[in-house]
Amino acid sequence: MSLTVPRTGERPFTLDDLVQLIAARATATADASYTRTLLDAGVPRIAKKFGEEAVETVIAAMGGNKAEVTAEAADVLYHLLVLLQGSGVALQDVVAELGRRTRQSGLDEKASRRA
């Protein structure tokens, strides 16, 4: 994915980098990797953690503190990508679905889900 974050003196960090990091940490031992601990706990636990982080992001956004929103959003993205890894869903598949949806308005897309 082309979303990048500049790092001083290095190439920008991307969501693809995070996907690769999660995949690498998935092969580590649980005592060395929080990611491995989450994956070992299973999709329901990962989903719960993702939900907790999403709620914390909403609370931060309601408070209007940009630094808190940024930190919580980073947690949401990380936990979403771990959830995708645990569910066997590739980020590229999610991006492809987003691309498919952009071919129509958001209102039309939502209406098509109800049909």
PDB file of N, CA and C in Angstrom:
ATOM      1  N   MET A   1       0.858  -1.175   0.000  1.00  0.00           N
ATOM      2  CA  MET A   1       0.000   0.000   0.000  1.00  0.00           C
ATOM      3  C   MET A   1       0.895   1.226   0.000  1.00  0.00           C
ATOM      4  N   SER A   2       0.466   2.281  -0.667  1.00  0.00           N
ATOM      5  CA  SER A   2       1.338   3.426  -0.874  1.00  0.00           C
ATOM      6  C   SER A   2       1.352   4.437   0.264  1.00  0.00           C
ATOM      7  N   LEU A   3       0.532   4.253   1.289  1.00  0.00           N
ATOM      8  CA  LEU A   3       0.553   5.165   2.430  1.00  0.00           C
ATOM      9  C   LEU A   3       1.919   5.078   3.089  1.00  0.00           C
ATOM     10  N   THR A   4       2.588   6.214   3.208  1.00  0.00           N
ATOM     11  CA  THR A   4       3.938   6.218   3.761  1.00  0.00           C
ATOM     12  C   THR A   4       4.066   7.237   4.862  1.00  0.00           C
ATOM     13  N   VAL A   5       4.979   6.961   5.756  1.00  0.00           N
ATOM     14  CA  VAL A   5       5.311   7.873   6.839  1.00  0.00           C
ATOM     15  C   VAL A   5       6.812   8.120   6.773  1.00  0.00           C
ATOM     16  N   PRO A   6       7.229   9.394   6.626  1.00  0.00           N
ATOM     17  CA  PRO A   6       8.666   9.651   6.513  1.00  0.00           C
ATOM     18  C   PRO A   6       9.407   9.335   7.807  1.00  0.00           C
ATOM     19  N   ARG A   7      10.572   8.760   7.666  1.00  0.00           N
ATOM     20  CA  ARG A   7      11.468   8.533   8.787  1.00  0.00           C
ATOM     21  C   ARG A   7      12.772   9.230   8.456  1.00  0.00           C
ATOM     22  N   THR A   8      13.355   9.875   9.425  1.00  0.00           N
ATOM     23  CA  THR A   8      14.570  10.645   9.201  1.00  0.00           C
ATOM     24  C   THR A   8      15.678   9.744   8.672  1.00  0.00           C
ATOM     25  N   GLY A   9      16.215  10.113   7.510  1.00  0.00           N
ATOM     26  CA  GLY A   9      17.366   9.413   6.962  1.00  0.00           C
ATOM     27  C   GLY A   9      17.086   8.040   6.394  1.00  0.00           C
ATOM     28  N   GLU A  10      15.844   7.623   6.340  1.00  0.00           N
ATOM     29  CA  GLU A  10      15.498   6.297   5.841  1.00  0.00           C
ATOM     30  C   GLU A  10      14.360   6.424   4.836  1.00  0.00           C
ATOM     31  N   ARG A  11      14.117   5.346   4.116  1.00  0.00           N
ATOM     32  CA  ARG A  11      12.949   5.358   3.241  1.00  0.00           C
ATOM     33  C   ARG A  11      11.701   5.376   4.116  1.00  0.00           C
ATOM     34  N   PRO A  12      10.608   5.870   3.594  1.00  0.00           N
ATOM     35  CA  PRO A  12       9.375   5.954   4.389  1.00  0.00           C
ATOM     36  C   PRO A  12       8.876   4.570   4.811  1.00  0.00           C
ATOM     37  N   PHE A  13       8.282   4.507   5.973  1.00  0.00           N
ATOM     38  CA  PHE A  13       7.656   3.291   6.500  1.00  0.00           C
ATOM     39  C   PHE A  13       6.269   3.180   5.888  1.00  0.00           C
ATOM     40  N   THR A  14       5.901   1.991   5.429  1.00  0.00           N
ATOM     41  CA  THR A  14       4.607   1.793   4.775  1.00  0.00           C
ATOM     42  C   THR A  14       3.783   0.748   5.522  1.00  0.00           C
ATOM     43  N   LEU A  15       2.504   0.684   5.175  1.00  0.00           N
ATOM     44  CA  LEU A  15       1.665  -0.384   5.730  1.00  0.00           C
ATOM     45  C   LEU A  15       2.169  -1.748   5.272  1.00  0.00           C
ATOM     46  N   ASP A  16       2.695  -1.835   4.059  1.00  0.00           N
ATOM     47  CA  ASP A  16       3.292  -3.096   3.606  1.00  0.00           C
ATOM     48  C   ASP A  16       4.460  -3.495   4.503  1.00  0.00           C
ATOM     49  N   ASP A  17       5.251  -2.516   4.949  1.00  0.00           N
ATOM     50  CA  ASP A  17       6.332  -2.810   5.891  1.00  0.00           C
ATOM     51  C   ASP A  17       5.770  -3.409   7.177  1.00  0.00           C
ATOM     52  N   LEU A  18       4.672  -2.829   7.655  1.00  0.00           N
ATOM     53  CA  LEU A  18       4.063  -3.342   8.886  1.00  0.00           C
ATOM     54  C   LEU A  18       3.512  -4.745   8.678  1.00  0.00           C
ATOM     55  N   VAL A  19       2.911  -4.998   7.526  1.00  0.00           N
ATOM     56  CA  VAL A  19       2.425  -6.351   7.211  1.00  0.00           C
ATOM     57  C   VAL A  19       3.585  -7.336   7.247  1.00  0.00           C
ATOM     58  N   GLN A  20       4.703  -6.970   6.636  1.00  0.00           N
ATOM     59  CA  GLN A  20       5.877  -7.853   6.619  1.00  0.00           C
ATOM     60  C   GLN A  20       6.447  -8.057   8.021  1.00  0.00           C
ATOM     61  N   LEU A  21       6.451  -6.994   8.821  1.00  0.00           N
ATOM     62  CA  LEU A  21       6.940  -7.100  10.192  1.00  0.00           C
ATOM     63  C   LEU A  21       6.058  -8.036  11.007  1.00  0.00           C
ATOM     64  N   ILE A  22       4.757  -7.914  10.851  1.00  0.00           N
ATOM     65  CA  ILE A  22       3.819  -8.795  11.556  1.00  0.00           C
ATOM     66  C   ILE A  22       4.030 -10.240  11.125  1.00  0.00           C
ATOM     67  N   ALA A  23       4.196 -10.465   9.829  1.00  0.00           N
ATOM     68  CA  ALA A  23       4.440 -11.825   9.332  1.00  0.00           C
ATOM     69  C   ALA A  23       5.726 -12.398   9.912  1.00  0.00           C
ATOM     70  N   ALA A  24       6.762 -11.579  10.001  1.00  0.00           N
ATOM     71  CA  ALA A  24       8.032 -12.044  10.568  1.00  0.00           C
ATOM     72  C   ALA A  24       7.885 -12.347  12.057  1.00  0.00           C
ATOM     73  N   ARG A  25       7.196 -11.482  12.767  1.00  0.00           N
ATOM     74  CA  ARG A  25       7.019 -11.696  14.207  1.00  0.00           C
ATOM     75  C   ARG A  25       6.088 -12.864  14.495  1.00  0.00           C
ATOM     76  N   ALA A  26       5.250 -13.207  13.527  1.00  0.00           N
ATOM     77  CA  ALA A  26       4.370 -14.365  13.696  1.00  0.00           C
ATOM     78  C   ALA A  26       5.167 -15.658  13.790  1.00  0.00           C
ATOM     79  N   THR A  27       6.399 -15.644  13.311  1.00  0.00           N
ATOM     80  CA  THR A  27       7.240 -16.840  13.356  1.00  0.00           C
ATOM     81  C   THR A  27       8.110 -16.881  14.608  1.00  0.00           C
ATOM     82  N   ALA A  28       8.081 -15.817  15.399  1.00  0.00           N
ATOM     83  CA  ALA A  28       8.888 -15.762  16.630  1.00  0.00           C
ATOM     84  C   ALA A  28       8.206 -16.549  17.738  1.00  0.00           C
ATOM     85  N   THR A  29       8.876 -16.665  18.849  1.00  0.00           N
ATOM     86  CA  THR A  29       8.270 -17.316  20.011  1.00  0.00           C
ATOM     87  C   THR A  29       7.416 -16.302  20.770  1.00  0.00           C
ATOM     88  N   ALA A  30       6.439 -16.822  21.498  1.00  0.00           N
ATOM     89  CA  ALA A  30       5.522 -15.945  22.231  1.00  0.00           C
ATOM     90  C   ALA A  30       6.241 -15.116  23.293  1.00  0.00           C
ATOM     91  N   ASP A  31       7.305 -15.645  23.865  1.00  0.00           N
ATOM     92  CA  ASP A  31       8.017 -14.874  24.890  1.00  0.00           C
ATOM     93  C   ASP A  31       8.834 -13.729  24.290  1.00  0.00           C
ATOM     94  N   ALA A  32       8.996 -13.738  22.947  1.00  0.00           N
ATOM     95  CA  ALA A  32       9.763 -12.684  22.291  1.00  0.00           C
ATOM     96  C   ALA A  32       8.890 -11.764  21.442  1.00  0.00           C
ATOM     97  N   SER A  33       7.602 -12.102  21.280  1.00  0.00           N
ATOM     98  CA  SER A  33       6.783 -11.349  20.334  1.00  0.00           C
ATOM     99  C   SER A  33       5.344 -11.196  20.817  1.00  0.00           C
ATOM    100  N   TYR A  34       4.932  -9.950  21.007  1.00  0.00           N
ATOM    101  CA  TYR A  34       3.533  -9.654  21.339  1.00  0.00           C
ATOM    102  C   TYR A  34       2.621 -10.109  20.196  1.00  0.00           C
ATOM    103  N   THR A  35       3.073  -9.927  18.971  1.00  0.00           N
ATOM    104  CA  THR A  35       2.294 -10.364  17.813  1.00  0.00           C
ATOM    105  C   THR A  35       2.026 -11.855  17.885  1.00  0.00           C
ATOM    106  N   ARG A  36       3.053 -12.654  18.185  1.00  0.00           N
ATOM    107  CA  ARG A  36       2.897 -14.102  18.287  1.00  0.00           C
ATOM    108  C   ARG A  36       1.922 -14.447  19.415  1.00  0.00           C
ATOM    109  N   THR A  37       1.986 -13.705  20.526  1.00  0.00           N
ATOM    110  CA  THR A  37       1.072 -13.930  21.649  1.00  0.00           C
ATOM    111  C   THR A  37      -0.369 -13.714  21.208  1.00  0.00           C
ATOM    112  N   LEU A  38      -0.603 -12.639  20.468  1.00  0.00           N
ATOM    113  CA  LEU A  38      -1.958 -12.378  19.961  1.00  0.00           C
ATOM    114  C   LEU A  38      -2.419 -13.487  19.024  1.00  0.00           C
ATOM    115  N   LEU A  39      -1.569 -13.867  18.080  1.00  0.00           N
ATOM    116  CA  LEU A  39      -1.938 -14.901  17.126  1.00  0.00           C
ATOM    117  C   LEU A  39      -2.201 -16.234  17.826  1.00  0.00           C
ATOM    118  N   ASP A  40      -1.416 -16.543  18.843  1.00  0.00           N
ATOM    119  CA  ASP A  40      -1.631 -17.774  19.599  1.00  0.00           C
ATOM    120  C   ASP A  40      -2.968 -17.758  20.346  1.00  0.00           C
ATOM    121  N   ALA A  41      -3.410 -16.575  20.744  1.00  0.00           N
ATOM    122  CA  ALA A  41      -4.674 -16.453  21.469  1.00  0.00           C
ATOM    123  C   ALA A  41      -5.881 -16.638  20.552  1.00  0.00           C
ATOM    124  N   GLY A  42      -5.687 -16.470  19.251  1.00  0.00           N
ATOM    125  CA  GLY A  42      -6.751 -16.724  18.291  1.00  0.00           C
ATOM    126  C   GLY A  42      -7.491 -15.474  17.844  1.00  0.00           C
ATOM    127  N   VAL A  43      -8.235 -15.646  16.768  1.00  0.00           N
ATOM    128  CA  VAL A  43      -8.951 -14.537  16.147  1.00  0.00           C
ATOM    129  C   VAL A  43      -9.931 -13.863  17.109  1.00  0.00           C
ATOM    130  N   PRO A  44     -10.689 -14.595  17.928  1.00  0.00           N
ATOM    131  CA  PRO A  44     -11.602 -13.886  18.833  1.00  0.00           C
ATOM    132  C   PRO A  44     -10.880 -12.918  19.774  1.00  0.00           C
ATOM    133  N   ARG A  45      -9.731 -13.307  20.286  1.00  0.00           N
ATOM    134  CA  ARG A  45      -8.964 -12.420  21.173  1.00  0.00           C
ATOM    135  C   ARG A  45      -8.401 -11.231  20.403  1.00  0.00           C
ATOM    136  N   ILE A  46      -7.904 -11.487  19.197  1.00  0.00           N
ATOM    137  CA  ILE A  46      -7.375 -10.395  18.376  1.00  0.00           C
ATOM    138  C   ILE A  46      -8.503  -9.418  18.049  1.00  0.00           C
ATOM    139  N   ALA A  47      -9.664  -9.943  17.701  1.00  0.00           N
ATOM    140  CA  ALA A  47     -10.810  -9.097  17.370  1.00  0.00           C
ATOM    141  C   ALA A  47     -11.225  -8.252  18.567  1.00  0.00           C
ATOM    142  N   LYS A  48     -11.197  -8.847  19.750  1.00  0.00           N
ATOM    143  CA  LYS A  48     -11.531  -8.097  20.964  1.00  0.00           C
ATOM    144  C   LYS A  48     -10.533  -6.953  21.177  1.00  0.00           C
ATOM    145  N   LYS A  49      -9.259  -7.248  21.012  1.00  0.00           N
ATOM    146  CA  LYS A  49      -8.226  -6.222  21.188  1.00  0.00           C
ATOM    147  C   LYS A  49      -8.387  -5.124  20.135  1.00  0.00           C
ATOM    148  N   PHE A  50      -8.684  -5.504  18.889  1.00  0.00           N
ATOM    149  CA  PHE A  50      -8.922  -4.521  17.839  1.00  0.00           C
ATOM    150  C   PHE A  50     -10.097  -3.616  18.221  1.00  0.00           C
ATOM    151  N   GLY A  51     -11.166  -4.214  18.725  1.00  0.00           N
ATOM    152  CA  GLY A  51     -12.329  -3.436  19.152  1.00  0.00           C
ATOM    153  C   GLY A  51     -11.993  -2.472  20.275  1.00  0.00           C
ATOM    154  N   GLU A  52     -11.205  -2.931  21.241  1.00  0.00           N
ATOM    155  CA  GLU A  52     -10.790  -2.062  22.349  1.00  0.00           C
ATOM    156  C   GLU A  52     -10.011  -0.857  21.816  1.00  0.00           C
ATOM    157  N   GLU A  53      -9.107  -1.120  20.893  1.00  0.00           N
ATOM    158  CA  GLU A  53      -8.296  -0.035  20.333  1.00  0.00           C
ATOM    159  C   GLU A  53      -9.159   0.931  19.511  1.00  0.00           C
ATOM    160  N   ALA A  54     -10.149   0.392  18.802  1.00  0.00           N
ATOM    161  CA  ALA A  54     -11.050   1.250  18.034  1.00  0.00           C
ATOM    162  C   ALA A  54     -11.837   2.174  18.962  1.00  0.00           C
ATOM    163  N   VAL A  55     -12.325   1.627  20.069  1.00  0.00           N
ATOM    164  CA  VAL A  55     -13.059   2.447  21.041  1.00  0.00           C
ATOM    165  C   VAL A  55     -12.140   3.514  21.627  1.00  0.00           C
ATOM    166  N   GLU A  56     -10.915   3.157  21.959  1.00  0.00           N
ATOM    167  CA  GLU A  56      -9.966   4.138  22.490  1.00  0.00           C
ATOM    168  C   GLU A  56      -9.691   5.242  21.468  1.00  0.00           C
ATOM    169  N   THR A  57      -9.694   4.892  20.186  1.00  0.00           N
ATOM    170  CA  THR A  57      -9.501   5.895  19.143  1.00  0.00           C
ATOM    171  C   THR A  57     -10.691   6.845  19.083  1.00  0.00           C
ATOM    172  N   VAL A  58     -11.883   6.305  19.195  1.00  0.00           N
ATOM    173  CA  VAL A  58     -13.089   7.132  19.211  1.00  0.00           C
ATOM    174  C   VAL A  58     -13.056   8.090  20.397  1.00  0.00           C
ATOM    175  N   ILE A  59     -12.705   7.590  21.559  1.00  0.00           N
ATOM    176  CA  ILE A  59     -12.636   8.428  22.761  1.00  0.00           C
ATOM    177  C   ILE A  59     -11.599   9.535  22.576  1.00  0.00           C
ATOM    178  N   ALA A  60     -10.441   9.172  22.022  1.00  0.00           N
ATOM    179  CA  ALA A  60      -9.399  10.180  21.779  1.00  0.00           C
ATOM    180  C   ALA A  60      -9.891  11.231  20.789  1.00  0.00           C
ATOM    181  N   ALA A  61     -10.586  10.799  19.756  1.00  0.00           N
ATOM    182  CA  ALA A  61     -11.098  11.743  18.759  1.00  0.00           C
ATOM    183  C   ALA A  61     -12.129  12.677  19.375  1.00  0.00           C
ATOM    184  N   MET A  62     -12.964  12.145  20.233  1.00  0.00           N
ATOM    185  CA  MET A  62     -13.971  12.978  20.897  1.00  0.00           C
ATOM    186  C   MET A  62     -13.305  14.017  21.793  1.00  0.00           C
ATOM    187  N   GLY A  63     -12.142  13.673  22.340  1.00  0.00           N
ATOM    188  CA  GLY A  63     -11.406  14.596  23.192  1.00  0.00           C
ATOM    189  C   GLY A  63     -10.628  15.643  22.412  1.00  0.00           C
ATOM    190  N   GLY A  64     -10.442  15.410  21.128  1.00  0.00           N
ATOM    191  CA  GLY A  64      -9.794  16.402  20.285  1.00  0.00           C
ATOM    192  C   GLY A  64      -8.283  16.504  20.404  1.00  0.00           C
ATOM    193  N   ASN A  65      -7.651  15.521  21.064  1.00  0.00           N
ATOM    194  CA  ASN A  65      -6.198  15.562  21.217  1.00  0.00           C
ATOM    195  C   ASN A  65      -5.554  14.815  20.054  1.00  0.00           C
ATOM    196  N   LYS A  66      -4.919  15.570  19.139  1.00  0.00           N
ATOM    197  CA  LYS A  66      -4.348  14.973  17.939  1.00  0.00           C
ATOM    198  C   LYS A  66      -3.283  13.919  18.244  1.00  0.00           C
ATOM    199  N   ALA A  67      -2.467  14.156  19.249  1.00  0.00           N
ATOM    200  CA  ALA A  67      -1.412  13.184  19.590  1.00  0.00           C
ATOM    201  C   ALA A  67      -2.033  11.872  20.063  1.00  0.00           C
ATOM    202  N   GLU A  68      -3.084  11.950  20.866  1.00  0.00           N
ATOM    203  CA  GLU A  68      -3.758  10.735  21.333  1.00  0.00           C
ATOM    204  C   GLU A  68      -4.451  10.011  20.186  1.00  0.00           C
ATOM    205  N   VAL A  69      -5.099  10.775  19.302  1.00  0.00           N
ATOM    206  CA  VAL A  69      -5.748  10.158  18.139  1.00  0.00           C
ATOM    207  C   VAL A  69      -4.703   9.451  17.280  1.00  0.00           C
ATOM    208  N   THR A  70      -3.580  10.093  17.070  1.00  0.00           N
ATOM    209  CA  THR A  70      -2.505   9.500  16.278  1.00  0.00           C
ATOM    210  C   THR A  70      -2.020   8.191  16.894  1.00  0.00           C
ATOM    211  N   ALA A  71      -1.753   8.208  18.189  1.00  0.00           N
ATOM    212  CA  ALA A  71      -1.259   7.006  18.872  1.00  0.00           C
ATOM    213  C   ALA A  71      -2.290   5.888  18.843  1.00  0.00           C
ATOM    214  N   GLU A  72      -3.536   6.222  19.099  1.00  0.00           N
ATOM    215  CA  GLU A  72      -4.581   5.196  19.106  1.00  0.00           C
ATOM    216  C   GLU A  72      -4.848   4.667  17.706  1.00  0.00           C
ATOM    217  N   ALA A  73      -4.802   5.549  16.701  1.00  0.00           N
ATOM    218  CA  ALA A  73      -4.991   5.100  15.322  1.00  0.00           C
ATOM    219  C   ALA A  73      -3.883   4.134  14.909  1.00  0.00           C
ATOM    220  N   ALA A  74      -2.673   4.388  15.375  1.00  0.00           N
ATOM    221  CA  ALA A  74      -1.567   3.462  15.095  1.00  0.00           C
ATOM    222  C   ALA A  74      -1.857   2.100  15.713  1.00  0.00           C
ATOM    223  N   ASP A  75      -2.392   2.096  16.933  1.00  0.00           N
ATOM    224  CA  ASP A  75      -2.766   0.831  17.575  1.00  0.00           C
ATOM    225  C   ASP A  75      -3.848   0.106  16.779  1.00  0.00           C
ATOM    226  N   VAL A  76      -4.831   0.873  16.275  1.00  0.00           N
ATOM    227  CA  VAL A  76      -5.911   0.282  15.478  1.00  0.00           C
ATOM    228  C   VAL A  76      -5.350  -0.366  14.214  1.00  0.00           C
ATOM    229  N   LEU A  77      -4.489   0.356  13.507  1.00  0.00           N
ATOM    230  CA  LEU A  77      -3.916  -0.198  12.279  1.00  0.00           C
ATOM    231  C   LEU A  77      -3.116  -1.465  12.561  1.00  0.00           C
ATOM    232  N   TYR A  78      -2.305  -1.426  13.600  1.00  0.00           N
ATOM    233  CA  TYR A  78      -1.509  -2.617  13.954  1.00  0.00           C
ATOM    234  C   TYR A  78      -2.424  -3.798  14.256  1.00  0.00           C
ATOM    235  N   HIS A  79      -3.408  -3.585  15.128  1.00  0.00           N
ATOM    236  CA  HIS A  79      -4.271  -4.695  15.525  1.00  0.00           C
ATOM    237  C   HIS A  79      -5.151  -5.172  14.372  1.00  0.00           C
ATOM    238  N   LEU A  80      -5.557  -4.267  13.469  1.00  0.00           N
ATOM    239  CA  LEU A  80      -6.295  -4.688  12.284  1.00  0.00           C
ATOM    240  C   LEU A  80      -5.432  -5.595  11.418  1.00  0.00           C
ATOM    241  N   LEU A  81      -4.175  -5.225  11.220  1.00  0.00           N
ATOM    242  CA  LEU A  81      -3.290  -6.044  10.394  1.00  0.00           C
ATOM    243  C   LEU A  81      -2.988  -7.389  11.041  1.00  0.00           C
ATOM    244  N   VAL A  82      -2.905  -7.432  12.362  1.00  0.00           N
ATOM    245  CA  VAL A  82      -2.743  -8.724  13.046  1.00  0.00           C
ATOM    246  C   VAL A  82      -4.014  -9.552  12.871  1.00  0.00           C
ATOM    247  N   LEU A  83      -5.170  -8.904  12.961  1.00  0.00           N
ATOM    248  CA  LEU A  83      -6.443  -9.601  12.745  1.00  0.00           C
ATOM    249  C   LEU A  83      -6.520 -10.170  11.331  1.00  0.00           C
ATOM    250  N   LEU A  84      -6.092  -9.398  10.352  1.00  0.00           N
ATOM    251  CA  LEU A  84      -6.062  -9.905   8.984  1.00  0.00           C
ATOM    252  C   LEU A  84      -5.128 -11.106   8.873  1.00  0.00           C
ATOM    253  N   GLN A  85      -3.950 -11.003   9.471  1.00  0.00           N
ATOM    254  CA  GLN A  85      -2.974 -12.113   9.454  1.00  0.00           C
ATOM    255  C   GLN A  85      -3.598 -13.360  10.077  1.00  0.00           C
ATOM    256  N   GLY A  86      -4.216 -13.197  11.229  1.00  0.00           N
ATOM    257  CA  GLY A  86      -4.818 -14.334  11.913  1.00  0.00           C
ATOM    258  C   GLY A  86      -6.000 -14.925  11.163  1.00  0.00           C
ATOM    259  N   SER A  87      -6.650 -14.100  10.353  1.00  0.00           N
ATOM    260  CA  SER A  87      -7.811 -14.547   9.582  1.00  0.00           C
ATOM    261  C   SER A  87      -7.446 -15.048   8.190  1.00  0.00           C
ATOM    262  N   GLY A  88      -6.169 -14.931   7.846  1.00  0.00           N
ATOM    263  CA  GLY A  88      -5.731 -15.375   6.526  1.00  0.00           C
ATOM    264  C   GLY A  88      -6.178 -14.459   5.399  1.00  0.00           C
ATOM    265  N   VAL A  89      -6.363 -13.183   5.710  1.00  0.00           N
ATOM    266  CA  VAL A  89      -6.787 -12.197   4.709  1.00  0.00           C
ATOM    267  C   VAL A  89      -5.607 -11.274   4.411  1.00  0.00           C
ATOM    268  N   ALA A  90      -5.284 -11.129   3.141  1.00  0.00           N
ATOM    269  CA  ALA A  90      -4.171 -10.280   2.738  1.00  0.00           C
ATOM    270  C   ALA A  90      -4.616  -8.820   2.672  1.00  0.00           C
ATOM    271  N   LEU A  91      -3.745  -7.918   3.092  1.00  0.00           N
ATOM    272  CA  LEU A  91      -4.034  -6.496   2.987  1.00  0.00           C
ATOM    273  C   LEU A  91      -4.351  -6.128   1.536  1.00  0.00           C
ATOM    274  N   GLN A  92      -3.662  -6.748   0.593  1.00  0.00           N
ATOM    275  CA  GLN A  92      -3.903  -6.456  -0.817  1.00  0.00           C
ATOM    276  C   GLN A  92      -5.349  -6.766  -1.208  1.00  0.00           C
ATOM    277  N   ASP A  93      -5.947  -7.783  -0.586  1.00  0.00           N
ATOM    278  CA  ASP A  93      -7.346  -8.109  -0.870  1.00  0.00           C
ATOM    279  C   ASP A  93      -8.276  -7.020  -0.346  1.00  0.00           C
ATOM    280  N   VAL A  94      -7.941  -6.459   0.803  1.00  0.00           N
ATOM    281  CA  VAL A  94      -8.728  -5.363   1.368  1.00  0.00           C
ATOM    282  C   VAL A  94      -8.601  -4.130   0.481  1.00  0.00           C
ATOM    283  N   VAL A  95      -7.390  -3.836   0.041  1.00  0.00           N
ATOM    284  CA  VAL A  95      -7.156  -2.692  -0.840  1.00  0.00           C
ATOM    285  C   VAL A  95      -7.891  -2.891  -2.165  1.00  0.00           C
ATOM    286  N   ALA A  96      -7.894  -4.108  -2.687  1.00  0.00           N
ATOM    287  CA  ALA A  96      -8.626  -4.390  -3.929  1.00  0.00           C
ATOM    288  C   ALA A  96     -10.122  -4.164  -3.737  1.00  0.00           C
ATOM    289  N   GLU A  97     -10.645  -4.555  -2.591  1.00  0.00           N
ATOM    290  CA  GLU A  97     -12.063  -4.325  -2.297  1.00  0.00           C
ATOM    291  C   GLU A  97     -12.363  -2.830  -2.220  1.00  0.00           C
ATOM    292  N   LEU A  98     -11.477  -2.074  -1.605  1.00  0.00           N
ATOM    293  CA  LEU A  98     -11.655  -0.617  -1.572  1.00  0.00           C
ATOM    294  C   LEU A  98     -11.652  -0.036  -2.978  1.00  0.00           C
ATOM    295  N   GLY A  99     -10.752  -0.519  -3.799  1.00  0.00           N
ATOM    296  CA  GLY A  99     -10.695  -0.063  -5.181  1.00  0.00           C
ATOM    297  C   GLY A  99     -11.980  -0.378  -5.933  1.00  0.00           C
ATOM    298  N   ARG A 100     -12.514  -1.585  -5.711  1.00  0.00           N
ATOM    299  CA  ARG A 100     -13.766  -1.964  -6.350  1.00  0.00           C
ATOM    300  C   ARG A 100     -14.879  -1.015  -5.928  1.00  0.00           C
ATOM    301  N   ARG A 101     -14.902  -0.666  -4.659  1.00  0.00           N
ATOM    302  CA  ARG A 101     -15.963   0.191  -4.137  1.00  0.00           C
ATOM    303  C   ARG A 101     -15.869   1.624  -4.644  1.00  0.00           C
ATOM    304  N   THR A 102     -14.688   2.077  -5.013  1.00  0.00           N
ATOM    305  CA  THR A 102     -14.543   3.458  -5.471  1.00  0.00           C
ATOM    306  C   THR A 102     -15.130   3.668  -6.859  1.00  0.00           C
ATOM    307  N   ARG A 103     -15.527   2.598  -7.512  1.00  0.00           N
ATOM    308  CA  ARG A 103     -16.133   2.717  -8.833  1.00  0.00           C
ATOM    309  C   ARG A 103     -17.568   3.225  -8.760  1.00  0.00           C
ATOM    310  N   GLN A 104     -18.091   3.342  -7.533  1.00  0.00           N
ATOM    311  CA  GLN A 104     -19.439   3.872  -7.356  1.00  0.00           C
ATOM    312  C   GLN A 104     -19.455   4.775  -6.133  1.00  0.00           C
ATOM    313  N   SER A 105     -20.501   5.541  -5.979  1.00  0.00           N
ATOM    314  CA  SER A 105     -20.563   6.423  -4.814  1.00  0.00           C
ATOM    315  C   SER A 105     -20.730   5.594  -3.550  1.00  0.00           C
ATOM    316  N   GLY A 106     -20.330   6.154  -2.432  1.00  0.00           N
ATOM    317  CA  GLY A 106     -20.485   5.467  -1.153  1.00  0.00           C
ATOM    318  C   GLY A 106     -21.936   5.169  -0.841  1.00  0.00           C
ATOM    319  N   LEU A 107     -22.829   6.068  -1.213  1.00  0.00           N
ATOM    320  CA  LEU A 107     -24.257   5.837  -0.975  1.00  0.00           C
ATOM    321  C   LEU A 107     -24.771   4.672  -1.809  1.00  0.00           C
ATOM    322  N   ASP A 108     -24.349   4.601  -3.074  1.00  0.00           N
ATOM    323  CA  ASP A 108     -24.755   3.479  -3.927  1.00  0.00           C
ATOM    324  C   ASP A 108     -24.168   2.167  -3.416  1.00  0.00           C
ATOM    325  N   GLU A 109     -22.925   2.218  -2.966  1.00  0.00           N
ATOM    326  CA  GLU A 109     -22.280   0.999  -2.454  1.00  0.00           C
ATOM    327  C   GLU A 109     -23.015   0.489  -1.233  1.00  0.00           C
ATOM    328  N   LYS A 110     -23.360   1.366  -0.297  1.00  0.00           N
ATOM    329  CA  LYS A 110     -24.092   0.952   0.905  1.00  0.00           C
ATOM    330  C   LYS A 110     -25.452   0.375   0.537  1.00  0.00           C
ATOM    331  N   ALA A 111     -26.143   0.992  -0.408  1.00  0.00           N
ATOM    332  CA  ALA A 111     -27.448   0.496  -0.839  1.00  0.00           C
ATOM    333  C   ALA A 111     -27.327  -0.892  -1.456  1.00  0.00           C
ATOM    334  N   SER A 112     -26.240  -1.155  -2.171  1.00  0.00           N
ATOM    335  CA  SER A 112     -26.064  -2.463  -2.809  1.00  0.00           C
ATOM    336  C   SER A 112     -25.854  -3.558  -1.769  1.00  0.00           C
ATOM    337  N   ARG A 113     -25.335  -3.215  -0.609  1.00  0.00           N
ATOM    338  CA  ARG A 113     -25.142  -4.222   0.451  1.00  0.00           C
ATOM    339  C   ARG A 113     -26.473  -4.651   1.041  1.00  0.00           C
ATOM    340  N   ARG A 114     -27.454  -3.790   1.037  1.00  0.00           N
ATOM    341  CA  ARG A 114     -28.765  -4.118   1.600  1.00  0.00           C
ATOM    342  C   ARG A 114     -29.578  -4.998   0.659  1.00  0.00           C
ATOM    343  N   ALA A 115     -29.257  -4.932  -0.622  1.00  0.00           N
ATOM    344  CA  ALA A 115     -30.055  -5.673  -1.616  1.00  0.00           C
ATOM    345  C   ALA A 115     -29.783  -7.152  -1.572  1.00  0.00           C
TER     346      ALA A 115
END
